[in-house]
Amino acid sequence: MDHKDRILIVDDDPDIRQLLVDYLARNGFDAVPAASGRELWQVLNKHAVDLVVLDLMLPDADGLTLCRDLRAKSNLPVLMLTARGEETDRILGIEMGADDYLVKPFSPRELLARIKGILRRTRALPPNLKPDTQRCLVFAGWKLDTATRALTGPDGVVTPLSGAEYRLLRILLDHPNRVLNRDQLVELIHGREAEPYDRAIDVQVSRLRQRLQDDGREARLIKTVRGEGYVLAAAVEGLPSCT
């Protein structure tokens, strides 16, 4: 029997939950509903889940806090839903570790496309990197294990990465010393066009700089090129193993 990806739909609106569960089921997914933060944890304790669709506003919990708690415990992909569509909400969602966001109202078809895109990007390795020959990427004293997604610092401490942070780092490592603009990064990370004044990439770069201890006033590793974008200013070496 073919494996069906299990999608957890967390929304307090019963009509939206049922609509999305039915639509995803018709399109080959095993969709599980939850109406609150409490039910979210109950489902996760009982079932393996491949992706969480998480509403920002829930009766018993703040979606941003739930996203942060999810990110602290796992690398489970999170698609955030927001009713207001304000830039602040989207930025906060990315800061808490969401992989993408979708503004209500939305069509189930668009949600399906976003889910497929997140799952594809979460599981895919860039085509120019062969995991059997370059499992470990070494740069500026850091090591990234592309199989386990463990980022190890010069001091030997392992730093956790969200799914979006990992993909951003992989993209930069695959294009060292090359300036990538914001539109290119949005497309490569999220598989969609950047929206006007979308600051999600800036937030993700800031978070990744913090992970790399490169968040001072003058970043040395991920540099900002004014008017153009960002560049990873380091040599990258691929090794068969990080050990």
C-alpha atoms as a PDB file:
ATOM      1  CA  MET A   1       0.000   0.000   0.000  1.00  0.00           C
ATOM      2  CA  ASP A   2       1.339   3.415  -0.934  1.00  0.00           C
ATOM      3  CA  HIS A   3       2.172   5.697   1.935  1.00  0.00           C
ATOM      4  CA  LYS A   4      -0.169   8.630   2.349  1.00  0.00           C
ATOM      5  CA  ASP A   5       1.247  11.789   3.858  1.00  0.00           C
ATOM      6  CA  ARG A   6      -0.642  12.686   7.014  1.00  0.00           C
ATOM      7  CA  ILE A   7      -1.596  16.355   7.312  1.00  0.00           C
ATOM      8  CA  LEU A   8      -2.797  17.760  10.625  1.00  0.00           C
ATOM      9  CA  ILE A   9      -5.351  20.555  10.138  1.00  0.00           C
ATOM     10  CA  VAL A  10      -5.543  22.783  13.238  1.00  0.00           C
ATOM     11  CA  ASP A  11      -8.375  25.315  12.973  1.00  0.00           C
ATOM     12  CA  ASP A  12     -11.239  26.146  15.332  1.00  0.00           C
ATOM     13  CA  ASP A  13     -13.729  26.669  12.484  1.00  0.00           C
ATOM     14  CA  PRO A  14     -15.498  23.304  11.968  1.00  0.00           C
ATOM     15  CA  ASP A  15     -16.566  24.167   8.424  1.00  0.00           C
ATOM     16  CA  ILE A  16     -13.007  24.992   7.359  1.00  0.00           C
ATOM     17  CA  ARG A  17     -11.646  21.869   9.065  1.00  0.00           C
ATOM     18  CA  GLN A  18     -14.108  19.579   7.333  1.00  0.00           C
ATOM     19  CA  LEU A  19     -13.664  21.280   3.970  1.00  0.00           C
ATOM     20  CA  LEU A  20      -9.895  20.885   4.101  1.00  0.00           C
ATOM     21  CA  VAL A  21      -9.977  17.328   5.457  1.00  0.00           C
ATOM     22  CA  ASP A  22     -12.339  16.231   2.659  1.00  0.00           C
ATOM     23  CA  TYR A  23     -10.413  18.087  -0.045  1.00  0.00           C
ATOM     24  CA  LEU A  24      -7.032  16.701   1.013  1.00  0.00           C
ATOM     25  CA  ALA A  25      -8.467  13.184   1.290  1.00  0.00           C
ATOM     26  CA  ARG A  26      -9.731  13.423  -2.288  1.00  0.00           C
ATOM     27  CA  ASN A  27      -6.229  14.406  -3.333  1.00  0.00           C
ATOM     28  CA  GLY A  28      -4.379  11.497  -1.793  1.00  0.00           C
ATOM     29  CA  PHE A  29      -3.616  12.702   1.737  1.00  0.00           C
ATOM     30  CA  ASP A  30      -4.570  11.357   5.147  1.00  0.00           C
ATOM     31  CA  ALA A  31      -5.920  14.508   6.789  1.00  0.00           C
ATOM     32  CA  VAL A  32      -6.530  14.676  10.546  1.00  0.00           C
ATOM     33  CA  PRO A  33      -8.519  17.548  12.157  1.00  0.00           C
ATOM     34  CA  ALA A  34      -7.837  19.340  15.430  1.00  0.00           C
ATOM     35  CA  ALA A  35      -9.848  22.235  16.864  1.00  0.00           C
ATOM     36  CA  SER A  36      -7.408  23.525  19.477  1.00  0.00           C
ATOM     37  CA  GLY A  37      -3.856  23.503  20.723  1.00  0.00           C
ATOM     38  CA  ARG A  38      -4.744  20.751  23.180  1.00  0.00           C
ATOM     39  CA  GLU A  39      -6.069  18.547  20.384  1.00  0.00           C
ATOM     40  CA  LEU A  40      -2.953  19.282  18.321  1.00  0.00           C
ATOM     41  CA  TRP A  41      -0.715  17.735  20.998  1.00  0.00           C
ATOM     42  CA  GLN A  42      -3.119  14.831  21.460  1.00  0.00           C
ATOM     43  CA  VAL A  43      -2.904  13.971  17.763  1.00  0.00           C
ATOM     44  CA  LEU A  44       0.880  14.304  17.697  1.00  0.00           C
ATOM     45  CA  ASN A  45       1.189  12.000  20.706  1.00  0.00           C
ATOM     46  CA  LYS A  46      -0.828   9.313  18.924  1.00  0.00           C
ATOM     47  CA  HIS A  47       0.133   9.644  15.256  1.00  0.00           C
ATOM     48  CA  ALA A  48       3.100  10.350  13.036  1.00  0.00           C
ATOM     49  CA  VAL A  49       2.374  13.539  11.093  1.00  0.00           C
ATOM     50  CA  ASP A  50       4.138  14.831   7.977  1.00  0.00           C
ATOM     51  CA  LEU A  51       2.977  18.471   8.069  1.00  0.00           C
ATOM     52  CA  VAL A  52       0.879  20.763  10.266  1.00  0.00           C
ATOM     53  CA  VAL A  53      -1.508  23.391   8.883  1.00  0.00           C
ATOM     54  CA  LEU A  54      -1.799  25.737  11.861  1.00  0.00           C
ATOM     55  CA  ASP A  55      -4.286  28.584  12.266  1.00  0.00           C
ATOM     56  CA  LEU A  56      -2.908  31.679  13.954  1.00  0.00           C
ATOM     57  CA  MET A  57      -6.002  32.202  16.132  1.00  0.00           C
ATOM     58  CA  LEU A  58      -7.167  29.322  18.340  1.00  0.00           C
ATOM     59  CA  PRO A  59      -9.498  29.343  21.367  1.00  0.00           C
ATOM     60  CA  ASP A  60      -7.012  27.948  23.879  1.00  0.00           C
ATOM     61  CA  ALA A  61      -3.606  28.884  22.467  1.00  0.00           C
ATOM     62  CA  ASP A  62      -1.764  31.338  20.289  1.00  0.00           C
ATOM     63  CA  GLY A  63      -0.733  29.804  16.979  1.00  0.00           C
ATOM     64  CA  LEU A  64       2.632  31.571  17.071  1.00  0.00           C
ATOM     65  CA  THR A  65       3.424  30.061  20.472  1.00  0.00           C
ATOM     66  CA  LEU A  66       2.357  26.625  19.260  1.00  0.00           C
ATOM     67  CA  CYS A  67       4.585  27.000  16.207  1.00  0.00           C
ATOM     68  CA  ARG A  68       7.526  27.963  18.411  1.00  0.00           C
ATOM     69  CA  ASP A  69       6.894  24.966  20.686  1.00  0.00           C
ATOM     70  CA  LEU A  70       6.611  22.635  17.710  1.00  0.00           C
ATOM     71  CA  ARG A  71       9.873  23.943  16.324  1.00  0.00           C
ATOM     72  CA  ALA A  72      11.623  23.432  19.653  1.00  0.00           C
ATOM     73  CA  LYS A  73      10.601  19.764  19.696  1.00  0.00           C
ATOM     74  CA  SER A  74      10.886  18.737  16.048  1.00  0.00           C
ATOM     75  CA  ASN A  75      11.549  19.707  12.442  1.00  0.00           C
ATOM     76  CA  LEU A  76       7.923  19.039  11.512  1.00  0.00           C
ATOM     77  CA  PRO A  77       6.959  21.391   8.642  1.00  0.00           C
ATOM     78  CA  VAL A  78       4.403  24.055   9.555  1.00  0.00           C
ATOM     79  CA  LEU A  79       2.140  26.005   7.207  1.00  0.00           C
ATOM     80  CA  MET A  80       0.710  28.971   9.096  1.00  0.00           C
ATOM     81  CA  LEU A  81      -2.770  30.328   8.369  1.00  0.00           C
ATOM     82  CA  THR A  82      -3.531  33.956   9.160  1.00  0.00           C
ATOM     83  CA  ALA A  83      -6.833  35.758   8.744  1.00  0.00           C
ATOM     84  CA  ARG A  84      -5.485  39.277   8.859  1.00  0.00           C
ATOM     85  CA  GLY A  85      -2.756  39.037   6.271  1.00  0.00           C
ATOM     86  CA  GLU A  86      -0.720  41.745   7.948  1.00  0.00           C
ATOM     87  CA  GLU A  87       3.000  41.759   7.300  1.00  0.00           C
ATOM     88  CA  THR A  88       3.678  41.646  11.050  1.00  0.00           C
ATOM     89  CA  ASP A  89       1.797  38.351  11.393  1.00  0.00           C
ATOM     90  CA  ARG A  90       3.708  36.805   8.512  1.00  0.00           C
ATOM     91  CA  ILE A  91       7.059  37.949   9.889  1.00  0.00           C
ATOM     92  CA  LEU A  92       6.242  36.644  13.363  1.00  0.00           C
ATOM     93  CA  GLY A  93       5.220  33.311  11.859  1.00  0.00           C
ATOM     94  CA  ILE A  94       8.551  32.983  10.067  1.00  0.00           C
ATOM     95  CA  GLU A  95      10.402  34.082  13.219  1.00  0.00           C
ATOM     96  CA  MET A  96       8.701  31.285  15.157  1.00  0.00           C
ATOM     97  CA  GLY A  97       9.832  28.748  12.570  1.00  0.00           C
ATOM     98  CA  ALA A  98       6.896  28.401  10.149  1.00  0.00           C
ATOM     99  CA  ASP A  99       7.927  27.084   6.738  1.00  0.00           C
ATOM    100  CA  ASP A 100       5.346  29.137   4.867  1.00  0.00           C
ATOM    101  CA  TYR A 101       2.156  31.106   5.429  1.00  0.00           C
ATOM    102  CA  LEU A 102      -1.197  31.476   3.713  1.00  0.00           C
ATOM    103  CA  VAL A 103      -3.639  34.354   4.159  1.00  0.00           C
ATOM    104  CA  LYS A 104      -7.363  33.725   4.629  1.00  0.00           C
ATOM    105  CA  PRO A 105      -9.518  33.540   2.651  1.00  0.00           C
ATOM    106  CA  PHE A 106      -7.740  31.052   0.394  1.00  0.00           C
ATOM    107  CA  SER A 107      -8.773  28.326  -1.999  1.00  0.00           C
ATOM    108  CA  PRO A 108      -8.242  24.659  -1.049  1.00  0.00           C
ATOM    109  CA  ARG A 109      -6.383  24.305  -4.327  1.00  0.00           C
ATOM    110  CA  GLU A 110      -3.813  26.897  -3.247  1.00  0.00           C
ATOM    111  CA  LEU A 111      -3.437  25.201   0.135  1.00  0.00           C
ATOM    112  CA  LEU A 112      -2.837  21.888  -1.625  1.00  0.00           C
ATOM    113  CA  ALA A 113      -0.151  23.459  -3.814  1.00  0.00           C
ATOM    114  CA  ARG A 114       1.580  24.995  -0.778  1.00  0.00           C
ATOM    115  CA  ILE A 115       1.488  21.661   1.102  1.00  0.00           C
ATOM    116  CA  LYS A 116       2.966  19.765  -1.836  1.00  0.00           C
ATOM    117  CA  GLY A 117       5.636  22.415  -2.263  1.00  0.00           C
ATOM    118  CA  ILE A 118       6.673  22.329   1.395  1.00  0.00           C
ATOM    119  CA  LEU A 119       6.820  18.526   1.458  1.00  0.00           C
ATOM    120  CA  ARG A 120       8.811  18.442  -1.761  1.00  0.00           C
ATOM    121  CA  ARG A 121      11.331  21.019  -0.564  1.00  0.00           C
ATOM    122  CA  THR A 122      11.608  19.438   2.867  1.00  0.00           C
ATOM    123  CA  ARG A 123      12.557  16.082   1.410  1.00  0.00           C
ATOM    124  CA  ALA A 124      14.530  17.085  -1.649  1.00  0.00           C
ATOM    125  CA  LEU A 125      18.263  17.585  -1.904  1.00  0.00           C
ATOM    126  CA  PRO A 126      19.573  20.083  -4.433  1.00  0.00           C
ATOM    127  CA  PRO A 127      20.310  18.232  -7.690  1.00  0.00           C
ATOM    128  CA  ASN A 128      23.910  19.436  -7.825  1.00  0.00           C
ATOM    129  CA  LEU A 129      24.783  17.728  -4.540  1.00  0.00           C
ATOM    130  CA  LYS A 130      25.268  13.954  -4.411  1.00  0.00           C
ATOM    131  CA  PRO A 131      24.551  12.749  -0.893  1.00  0.00           C
ATOM    132  CA  ASP A 132      26.715   9.637  -1.284  1.00  0.00           C
ATOM    133  CA  THR A 133      29.838  11.698  -1.987  1.00  0.00           C
ATOM    134  CA  GLN A 134      29.181  14.988  -0.196  1.00  0.00           C
ATOM    135  CA  ARG A 135      27.220  14.235   2.946  1.00  0.00           C
ATOM    136  CA  CYS A 136      29.104  16.878   4.929  1.00  0.00           C
ATOM    137  CA  LEU A 137      29.476  20.543   3.985  1.00  0.00           C
ATOM    138  CA  VAL A 138      32.279  22.370   5.790  1.00  0.00           C
ATOM    139  CA  PHE A 139      32.511  26.162   5.881  1.00  0.00           C
ATOM    140  CA  ALA A 140      34.157  28.716   8.196  1.00  0.00           C
ATOM    141  CA  GLY A 141      34.646  26.102  10.923  1.00  0.00           C
ATOM    142  CA  TRP A 142      31.035  24.882  10.730  1.00  0.00           C
ATOM    143  CA  LYS A 143      29.834  21.466   9.544  1.00  0.00           C
ATOM    144  CA  LEU A 144      26.413  20.660   8.101  1.00  0.00           C
ATOM    145  CA  ASP A 145      25.444  16.987   7.902  1.00  0.00           C
ATOM    146  CA  THR A 146      23.015  16.868   4.960  1.00  0.00           C
ATOM    147  CA  ALA A 147      21.592  13.494   6.011  1.00  0.00           C
ATOM    148  CA  THR A 148      20.764  14.303   9.629  1.00  0.00           C
ATOM    149  CA  ARG A 149      20.567  18.097   9.050  1.00  0.00           C
ATOM    150  CA  ALA A 150      22.769  18.617  12.104  1.00  0.00           C
ATOM    151  CA  LEU A 151      24.729  21.884  12.127  1.00  0.00           C
ATOM    152  CA  THR A 152      27.848  21.645  14.272  1.00  0.00           C
ATOM    153  CA  GLY A 153      29.806  24.717  15.288  1.00  0.00           C
ATOM    154  CA  PRO A 154      33.551  25.201  15.680  1.00  0.00           C
ATOM    155  CA  ASP A 155      33.103  24.452  19.393  1.00  0.00           C
ATOM    156  CA  GLY A 156      31.466  21.092  18.634  1.00  0.00           C
ATOM    157  CA  VAL A 157      28.012  22.195  19.788  1.00  0.00           C
ATOM    158  CA  VAL A 158      25.116  21.065  17.586  1.00  0.00           C
ATOM    159  CA  THR A 159      22.722  23.880  16.638  1.00  0.00           C
ATOM    160  CA  PRO A 160      19.085  23.026  15.754  1.00  0.00           C
ATOM    161  CA  LEU A 161      17.665  24.339  12.478  1.00  0.00           C
ATOM    162  CA  SER A 162      14.065  24.724  11.365  1.00  0.00           C
ATOM    163  CA  GLY A 163      13.110  23.395   7.958  1.00  0.00           C
ATOM    164  CA  ALA A 164      13.197  26.857   6.416  1.00  0.00           C
ATOM    165  CA  GLU A 165      16.546  27.672   8.046  1.00  0.00           C
ATOM    166  CA  TYR A 166      18.038  24.440   6.738  1.00  0.00           C
ATOM    167  CA  ARG A 167      16.865  25.105   3.192  1.00  0.00           C
ATOM    168  CA  LEU A 168      18.164  28.676   3.282  1.00  0.00           C
ATOM    169  CA  LEU A 169      21.557  27.506   4.516  1.00  0.00           C
ATOM    170  CA  ARG A 170      21.683  24.772   1.858  1.00  0.00           C
ATOM    171  CA  ILE A 171      20.926  27.281  -0.880  1.00  0.00           C
ATOM    172  CA  LEU A 172      23.666  29.615   0.334  1.00  0.00           C
ATOM    173  CA  LEU A 173      26.132  26.747   0.663  1.00  0.00           C
ATOM    174  CA  ASP A 174      25.316  25.556  -2.844  1.00  0.00           C
ATOM    175  CA  HIS A 175      26.053  29.068  -4.178  1.00  0.00           C
ATOM    176  CA  PRO A 176      29.004  30.332  -2.107  1.00  0.00           C
ATOM    177  CA  ASN A 177      30.359  33.794  -2.874  1.00  0.00           C
ATOM    178  CA  ARG A 178      27.439  34.462  -5.192  1.00  0.00           C
ATOM    179  CA  VAL A 179      24.913  37.222  -4.539  1.00  0.00           C
ATOM    180  CA  LEU A 180      21.317  35.954  -4.441  1.00  0.00           C
ATOM    181  CA  ASN A 181      18.518  38.514  -4.413  1.00  0.00           C
ATOM    182  CA  ARG A 182      15.385  38.244  -2.288  1.00  0.00           C
ATOM    183  CA  ASP A 183      13.143  37.116  -5.148  1.00  0.00           C
ATOM    184  CA  GLN A 184      15.559  34.279  -5.992  1.00  0.00           C
ATOM    185  CA  LEU A 185      15.695  33.158  -2.359  1.00  0.00           C
ATOM    186  CA  VAL A 186      11.899  33.208  -1.958  1.00  0.00           C
ATOM    187  CA  GLU A 187      11.516  31.119  -5.098  1.00  0.00           C
ATOM    188  CA  LEU A 188      14.220  28.637  -4.079  1.00  0.00           C
ATOM    189  CA  ILE A 189      12.998  28.277  -0.487  1.00  0.00           C
ATOM    190  CA  HIS A 190       9.224  28.587  -0.789  1.00  0.00           C
ATOM    191  CA  GLY A 191       8.615  27.818  -4.461  1.00  0.00           C
ATOM    192  CA  ARG A 192       6.564  30.954  -5.016  1.00  0.00           C
ATOM    193  CA  GLU A 193       7.007  34.533  -6.140  1.00  0.00           C
ATOM    194  CA  ALA A 194       7.848  37.141  -3.533  1.00  0.00           C
ATOM    195  CA  GLU A 195       5.000  39.420  -2.545  1.00  0.00           C
ATOM    196  CA  PRO A 196       5.552  43.192  -2.530  1.00  0.00           C
ATOM    197  CA  TYR A 197       7.330  44.295   0.650  1.00  0.00           C
ATOM    198  CA  ASP A 198       7.646  40.674   1.788  1.00  0.00           C
ATOM    199  CA  ARG A 199      10.267  40.661   4.562  1.00  0.00           C
ATOM    200  CA  ALA A 200      10.153  36.919   5.279  1.00  0.00           C
ATOM    201  CA  ILE A 201      13.564  36.312   3.711  1.00  0.00           C
ATOM    202  CA  ASP A 202      15.155  39.106   5.750  1.00  0.00           C
ATOM    203  CA  VAL A 203      13.759  37.509   8.906  1.00  0.00           C
ATOM    204  CA  GLN A 204      15.026  34.063   7.938  1.00  0.00           C
ATOM    205  CA  VAL A 205      18.483  35.437   7.149  1.00  0.00           C
ATOM    206  CA  SER A 206      18.522  37.146  10.545  1.00  0.00           C
ATOM    207  CA  ARG A 207      17.554  33.896  12.294  1.00  0.00           C
ATOM    208  CA  LEU A 208      20.202  31.947  10.395  1.00  0.00           C
ATOM    209  CA  ARG A 209      22.837  34.530  11.291  1.00  0.00           C
ATOM    210  CA  GLN A 210      21.929  34.024  14.957  1.00  0.00           C
ATOM    211  CA  ARG A 211      22.354  30.273  14.549  1.00  0.00           C
ATOM    212  CA  LEU A 212      25.777  30.873  12.990  1.00  0.00           C
ATOM    213  CA  GLN A 213      26.732  33.416  15.668  1.00  0.00           C
ATOM    214  CA  ASP A 214      27.045  35.946  12.855  1.00  0.00           C
ATOM    215  CA  ASP A 215      24.451  38.460  14.010  1.00  0.00           C
ATOM    216  CA  GLY A 216      26.675  41.373  14.946  1.00  0.00           C
ATOM    217  CA  ARG A 217      26.436  44.808  13.395  1.00  0.00           C
ATOM    218  CA  GLU A 218      28.784  43.733  10.596  1.00  0.00           C
ATOM    219  CA  ALA A 219      27.984  40.146   9.581  1.00  0.00           C
ATOM    220  CA  ARG A 220      31.085  38.332   8.338  1.00  0.00           C
ATOM    221  CA  LEU A 221      29.581  35.117   7.008  1.00  0.00           C
ATOM    222  CA  ILE A 222      26.215  36.010   5.452  1.00  0.00           C
ATOM    223  CA  LYS A 223      26.771  39.488   4.106  1.00  0.00           C
ATOM    224  CA  THR A 224      24.179  41.970   2.904  1.00  0.00           C
ATOM    225  CA  VAL A 225      24.865  43.468  -0.510  1.00  0.00           C
ATOM    226  CA  ARG A 226      22.892  46.700  -0.551  1.00  0.00           C
ATOM    227  CA  GLY A 227      20.343  46.891  -3.325  1.00  0.00           C
ATOM    228  CA  GLU A 228      21.067  43.318  -4.429  1.00  0.00           C
ATOM    229  CA  GLY A 229      20.634  40.641  -1.769  1.00  0.00           C
ATOM    230  CA  TYR A 230      22.757  38.303   0.322  1.00  0.00           C
ATOM    231  CA  VAL A 231      25.978  36.360  -0.191  1.00  0.00           C
ATOM    232  CA  LEU A 232      27.669  33.575   1.772  1.00  0.00           C
ATOM    233  CA  ALA A 233      31.244  34.860   2.049  1.00  0.00           C
ATOM    234  CA  ALA A 234      33.058  31.588   2.700  1.00  0.00           C
ATOM    235  CA  ALA A 235      34.653  28.675   0.912  1.00  0.00           C
ATOM    236  CA  VAL A 236      32.591  25.473   1.074  1.00  0.00           C
ATOM    237  CA  GLU A 237      34.097  22.000   1.017  1.00  0.00           C
ATOM    238  CA  GLY A 238      32.100  18.808   0.491  1.00  0.00           C
ATOM    239  CA  LEU A 239      33.189  15.689   2.373  1.00  0.00           C
ATOM    240  CA  PRO A 240      31.856  12.106   2.434  1.00  0.00           C
ATOM    241  CA  SER A 241      31.278  12.313   6.200  1.00  0.00           C
ATOM    242  CA  CYS A 242      31.270  14.802   9.069  1.00  0.00           C
ATOM    243  CA  THR A 243      33.109  12.385  11.388  1.00  0.00           C
END
